[in-house]
């Protein structure tokens, strides 16, 4: 029989999550941390990818230009 359960890879997903700066003791982080295993995926249950804003893109581009100088 196939094992469908996978351990959640918090190191991979939490730093890319929309809720990264939320206190771990509060929802939705608390709920994710209570469920270290998922069926068919290693993604946390409340994971939402951060949206990249135009402001962040401009800041990153500016930093890259400063490094090249």
C-alpha atoms as a PDB file:
ATOM      1  CA  UNK A   1       0.000   0.000   0.000  1.00  0.00           C
ATOM      2  CA  UNK A   2       1.232   3.459  -0.922  1.00  0.00           C
ATOM      3  CA  UNK A   3       2.015   5.953   1.842  1.00  0.00           C
ATOM      4  CA  UNK A   4       0.247   9.197   0.916  1.00  0.00           C
ATOM      5  CA  UNK A   5       1.374  11.140   3.979  1.00  0.00           C
ATOM      6  CA  UNK A   6       4.286  13.560   3.619  1.00  0.00           C
ATOM      7  CA  UNK A   7       6.095  15.641   6.225  1.00  0.00           C
ATOM      8  CA  UNK A   8       5.532  19.374   5.761  1.00  0.00           C
ATOM      9  CA  UNK A   9       8.656  21.252   4.663  1.00  0.00           C
ATOM     10  CA  UNK A  10       8.311  24.350   6.852  1.00  0.00           C
ATOM     11  CA  UNK A  11      11.831  25.591   5.995  1.00  0.00           C
ATOM     12  CA  UNK A  12      10.981  25.690   2.315  1.00  0.00           C
ATOM     13  CA  UNK A  13       7.532  27.280   2.497  1.00  0.00           C
ATOM     14  CA  UNK A  14       7.258  29.508   5.582  1.00  0.00           C
ATOM     15  CA  UNK A  15       9.749  32.125   4.412  1.00  0.00           C
ATOM     16  CA  UNK A  16       7.788  32.465   1.146  1.00  0.00           C
ATOM     17  CA  UNK A  17       4.391  32.596   2.827  1.00  0.00           C
ATOM     18  CA  UNK A  18       2.070  35.592   3.003  1.00  0.00           C
ATOM     19  CA  UNK A  19       1.707  34.954   6.734  1.00  0.00           C
ATOM     20  CA  UNK A  20       5.458  34.865   7.473  1.00  0.00           C
ATOM     21  CA  UNK A  21       5.362  37.839   9.854  1.00  0.00           C
ATOM     22  CA  UNK A  22       2.326  36.594  11.789  1.00  0.00           C
ATOM     23  CA  UNK A  23       3.058  35.345  15.315  1.00  0.00           C
ATOM     24  CA  UNK A  24       3.427  31.549  15.248  1.00  0.00           C
ATOM     25  CA  UNK A  25       1.010  31.206  18.150  1.00  0.00           C
ATOM     26  CA  UNK A  26      -1.790  32.821  16.107  1.00  0.00           C
ATOM     27  CA  UNK A  27      -3.857  31.561  13.207  1.00  0.00           C
ATOM     28  CA  UNK A  28      -3.071  30.680  10.454  1.00  0.00           C
ATOM     29  CA  UNK A  29       0.492  29.752  11.513  1.00  0.00           C
ATOM     30  CA  UNK A  30      -0.616  27.908  14.625  1.00  0.00           C
ATOM     31  CA  UNK A  31      -2.890  25.683  12.560  1.00  0.00           C
ATOM     32  CA  UNK A  32      -0.077  24.882  10.116  1.00  0.00           C
ATOM     33  CA  UNK A  33       2.346  24.023  12.901  1.00  0.00           C
ATOM     34  CA  UNK A  34      -0.213  21.702  14.492  1.00  0.00           C
ATOM     35  CA  UNK A  35      -0.287  19.668  11.261  1.00  0.00           C
ATOM     36  CA  UNK A  36       3.264  18.551  10.451  1.00  0.00           C
ATOM     37  CA  UNK A  37       2.015  15.897   8.004  1.00  0.00           C
ATOM     38  CA  UNK A  38      -0.179  16.299   4.909  1.00  0.00           C
ATOM     39  CA  UNK A  39      -1.717  13.946   2.394  1.00  0.00           C
ATOM     40  CA  UNK A  40      -0.066  14.056  -1.065  1.00  0.00           C
ATOM     41  CA  UNK A  41       1.888  17.276  -0.406  1.00  0.00           C
ATOM     42  CA  UNK A  42       4.695  18.706   1.713  1.00  0.00           C
ATOM     43  CA  UNK A  43       3.099  22.190   1.674  1.00  0.00           C
ATOM     44  CA  UNK A  44       1.637  23.631   4.926  1.00  0.00           C
ATOM     45  CA  UNK A  45      -2.158  23.623   4.978  1.00  0.00           C
ATOM     46  CA  UNK A  46      -2.588  27.426   5.143  1.00  0.00           C
ATOM     47  CA  UNK A  47       0.312  28.318   2.846  1.00  0.00           C
ATOM     48  CA  UNK A  48      -0.326  31.304   0.567  1.00  0.00           C
ATOM     49  CA  UNK A  49       2.465  32.491  -1.675  1.00  0.00           C
ATOM     50  CA  UNK A  50       3.498  36.107  -1.093  1.00  0.00           C
ATOM     51  CA  UNK A  51       2.446  38.506  -3.798  1.00  0.00           C
ATOM     52  CA  UNK A  52       5.294  40.362  -5.440  1.00  0.00           C
ATOM     53  CA  UNK A  53       4.445  44.035  -5.542  1.00  0.00           C
ATOM     54  CA  UNK A  54       5.823  46.588  -7.967  1.00  0.00           C
ATOM     55  CA  UNK A  55       7.464  48.397  -5.046  1.00  0.00           C
ATOM     56  CA  UNK A  56       9.413  45.267  -4.066  1.00  0.00           C
ATOM     57  CA  UNK A  57      10.527  44.717  -7.654  1.00  0.00           C
ATOM     58  CA  UNK A  58      11.799  48.289  -7.957  1.00  0.00           C
ATOM     59  CA  UNK A  59      13.654  48.028  -4.635  1.00  0.00           C
ATOM     60  CA  UNK A  60      15.321  44.770  -5.695  1.00  0.00           C
ATOM     61  CA  UNK A  61      16.293  46.234  -9.072  1.00  0.00           C
ATOM     62  CA  UNK A  62      17.761  49.297  -7.351  1.00  0.00           C
ATOM     63  CA  UNK A  63      19.826  47.065  -5.022  1.00  0.00           C
ATOM     64  CA  UNK A  64      21.161  45.082  -7.958  1.00  0.00           C
ATOM     65  CA  UNK A  65      22.226  48.257  -9.758  1.00  0.00           C
ATOM     66  CA  UNK A  66      24.061  49.465  -6.616  1.00  0.00           C
ATOM     67  CA  UNK A  67      25.942  46.175  -6.311  1.00  0.00           C
ATOM     68  CA  UNK A  68      27.162  46.371  -9.903  1.00  0.00           C
ATOM     69  CA  UNK A  69      28.713  49.826  -9.375  1.00  0.00           C
END
